Amino acid sequence: MCASPAVQAPNGTTKQRVQSVDALRGLALVGMLLVHFQYYVNDDSLWSQRINSAVDFLAVDRFYPLFAVLFGTGFTLQMMRWGERPGFVAMYLRRLMALMAFAVLLIGLAGYRVLESYAFWALPLLAIRRWSNRTLVVVILCCAFAHPLVEFATWQWEKRNVSFEESNARVEAELRYWPDATQQADRLRDEGKFRELVEFRLQKTFGQYLHWQYFVPGDPFLLFLVGVLAVRLRVFQEPLRYRKLLIAIIIGGSLAGIMSAIVGNVFHFDSLPSGRLGLAARRLTYAIFDERLQGMAYAAAILLWMAQSSLGERVCSYLSYPGRLSLTNYVVQVSILEIFFATSHPVIPLNRWGALVGVVVVFILQIAFSRWWISRYRFGPLEWLWRSMTLLRWVRLRREMSEGVAA
């Protein structure tokens, strides 16, 4: 298992960083970078389509769930270290408020919404932090099937209370919510209407709070709970103890990923006369053949590889550098993409091959920067700001000389 540098716990005792968690954060970062780069490609050649299909199958919707699991892991580790201290609840709420502040800036400036959902859905973790593992498993299963069940219940209500045409129109409006919002945001960006763009992005994101469907638990709350269980069971610290479970996740996740890629060709949901019924059936099918499990398979494979191979340990160490600065590196990634490749006339025109090269270059630079930064500072720049906002004081950033040598 990869060794990890010590960190100082709030009670003055020394805690050990879980380096496998940092390495998996690094894996999630490079996977999301691969997906995000594809958003900015303007290339319809045959090879572009082939590369896009490969990225769709291997990466799209595979790495953001892993990132969410690891955010849940981070919140859980914090609860375990700080949870019994007086004032913990107030501190935790400040932490979420600070994360929401980062989210508002990122939504307005770049249009990326993931931190907003993390800040919102981390709040219920306070209520369930003392629940048993068995109860958490039941909650995870309920979350996995909550949205399809809600769609089926809505279908039953609509066919009794609204016309067939109105029901289908509602489904179409729900499905077009984000595609239409993205199209409008792109138009405002290309026209240089920056203030209107920021206001529009924030309005569309937080406008979801006016619709009751947003409060049906699913992603990322489900993924947070997976992270909670993984920490409690010490899966990250002792992967060899869970070898059989991790192998089952690798096999099951790989099969689920394959099925999620072909299920649309097997089940023709659009042929159903009711759009609501088709949406419910589609969500139920994808809850079973879930591409997110493919991302979990990647994580399980990396954990076993790191635990059993010297090469895996070296890869672990390199991935862990950007993983320790995951918030900073995530924000830097999306900022680079927005600055250089956004708009209809980007600073740097991008094709599929260029996107792949860009992924490699950006991530290597992030590894080098993160390694340099960690040797001198205790936290990443945004991680330090987040912690300072949480504790309502400026936390010491620079390492002592002995700490720098250890790092």
Foldseek 3Di string as FASTA:
>chain_A
DFFADWDAFPVRDIDGDLLLLLLLLLVLLLLVLLVVLLVQADDDDPVLVVLVVVNCLQRVLARVLSNLLSLLLVVLVCCVRPVVPPPPVVLVLLLLVLLCVVQLVCCLPQNDRVSNVSSVLVVCCVVCVPPDPVVLVVVLVCQLQVVLVVLVVVVVVCVVPHDLVVQQVVLVCVVCLVVVLVVVLLVCVQVVVSVVSSVSSVCSNCVVVVDPVVVRHYPPNSSSSSSNSCVVVVCSVCVVVVVVVLVCLLVLLVQLSVCVVCVCVVDVLVPDSHSSNSVSVVSVVCSRSPNNSNSSNVSSVLSVCCVPDPVSNVSSVLSSLLSQQSVVLSSVSSVVCCQARGHPDGVDHDHSVNSVVVSVVSSVVSSVVSLVQVLFWVGDPVRQVSSCSSVVHRDGTTDDNVSSVSD
